Amino acid sequence: MAGHQTRTGVLAWNSRILASGSRDRNILQHDMRVSSDFIGKLVGHKSEVCGLKWSCDDRELASGGNDNQ
């Protein structure tokens, strides 16, 4: 898989999507059923993404970063 420019520090699975967070401050969403590198890109952190967690119903993704957001 391609997508992040720097080290990937955190991963979180839901029933069909792998979310990855990186030192590049981005969260990428990868659907293993699709051949593209990633299907979504979430931006907003001002520092490394260090935590990801899907909700119990797999509908929401929470993230935490070293920017304390």
Protein backbone atom coordinates (compact mmCIF):
# COMPACT_ATOMS: atom_id res chain seq x y z
CA MET A 1 0.00 0.00 0.00
CA ALA A 2 1.16 3.47 -0.79
CA GLY A 3 -0.02 6.82 0.45
CA HIS A 4 1.82 8.13 3.51
CA GLN A 5 4.94 10.21 3.04
CA THR A 6 6.44 9.27 6.42
CA ARG A 7 6.20 6.58 9.11
CA THR A 8 2.78 5.04 9.78
CA GLY A 9 2.35 4.86 13.55
CA VAL A 10 -1.22 3.66 14.09
CA LEU A 11 -3.77 1.37 12.38
CA ALA A 12 -7.44 0.68 13.08
CA TRP A 13 -9.74 -1.84 11.34
CA ASN A 14 -13.50 -1.75 11.06
CA SER A 15 -15.45 -4.47 9.27
CA ARG A 16 -14.21 -3.38 5.83
CA ILE A 17 -11.83 -0.40 6.08
CA LEU A 18 -8.30 -0.08 7.41
CA ALA A 19 -7.51 3.42 8.67
CA SER A 20 -3.87 4.43 9.03
CA GLY A 21 -2.41 7.46 10.77
CA SER A 22 1.05 8.83 10.17
CA ARG A 23 3.71 11.32 11.14
CA ASP A 24 2.69 13.20 7.97
CA ARG A 25 -0.45 14.30 9.96
CA ASN A 26 -2.88 12.51 7.63
CA ILE A 27 -5.33 9.63 8.08
CA LEU A 28 -5.83 7.39 5.07
CA GLN A 29 -8.70 4.96 4.61
CA HIS A 30 -7.94 1.77 2.70
CA ASP A 31 -10.63 -0.59 1.42
CA MET A 32 -8.99 -3.95 0.78
CA ARG A 33 -11.70 -4.82 -1.76
CA VAL A 34 -10.60 -1.94 -4.04
CA SER A 35 -7.35 -1.89 -6.00
CA SER A 36 -6.56 1.81 -5.39
CA ASP A 37 -3.98 2.76 -2.77
CA PHE A 38 -6.59 4.49 -0.57
CA ILE A 39 -10.23 5.56 -0.81
CA GLY A 40 -10.21 8.51 1.57
CA LYS A 41 -7.85 11.02 3.11
CA LEU A 42 -8.62 12.90 6.32
CA VAL A 43 -6.60 16.00 7.17
CA GLY A 44 -6.75 18.31 10.14
CA HIS A 45 -4.11 17.34 12.69
CA LYS A 46 -1.18 19.73 13.08
CA SER A 47 1.12 16.99 14.39
CA GLU A 48 1.59 13.20 14.12
CA VAL A 49 -1.56 11.06 14.35
CA CYS A 50 -0.96 8.72 17.28
CA GLY A 51 -4.39 7.18 17.97
CA LEU A 52 -7.31 5.81 15.94
CA LYS A 53 -10.43 3.98 17.11
CA TRP A 54 -13.60 2.96 15.24
CA SER A 55 -16.96 3.16 17.02
CA CYS A 56 -18.73 -0.10 17.89
CA ASP A 57 -21.05 0.26 14.90
CA ASP A 58 -18.11 0.97 12.51
CA ARG A 59 -19.65 4.29 11.42
CA GLU A 60 -17.35 6.81 13.12
CA LEU A 61 -13.59 7.06 13.46
CA ALA A 62 -12.00 8.95 16.35
CA SER A 63 -8.44 10.20 16.05
CA GLY A 64 -5.88 11.68 18.37
CA GLY A 65 -2.68 13.45 17.56
CA ASN A 66 0.39 14.83 19.24
CA ASP A 67 -1.26 18.24 18.78
CA ASN A 68 -3.66 17.22 21.62
CA GLN A 69 -6.68 17.42 19.30
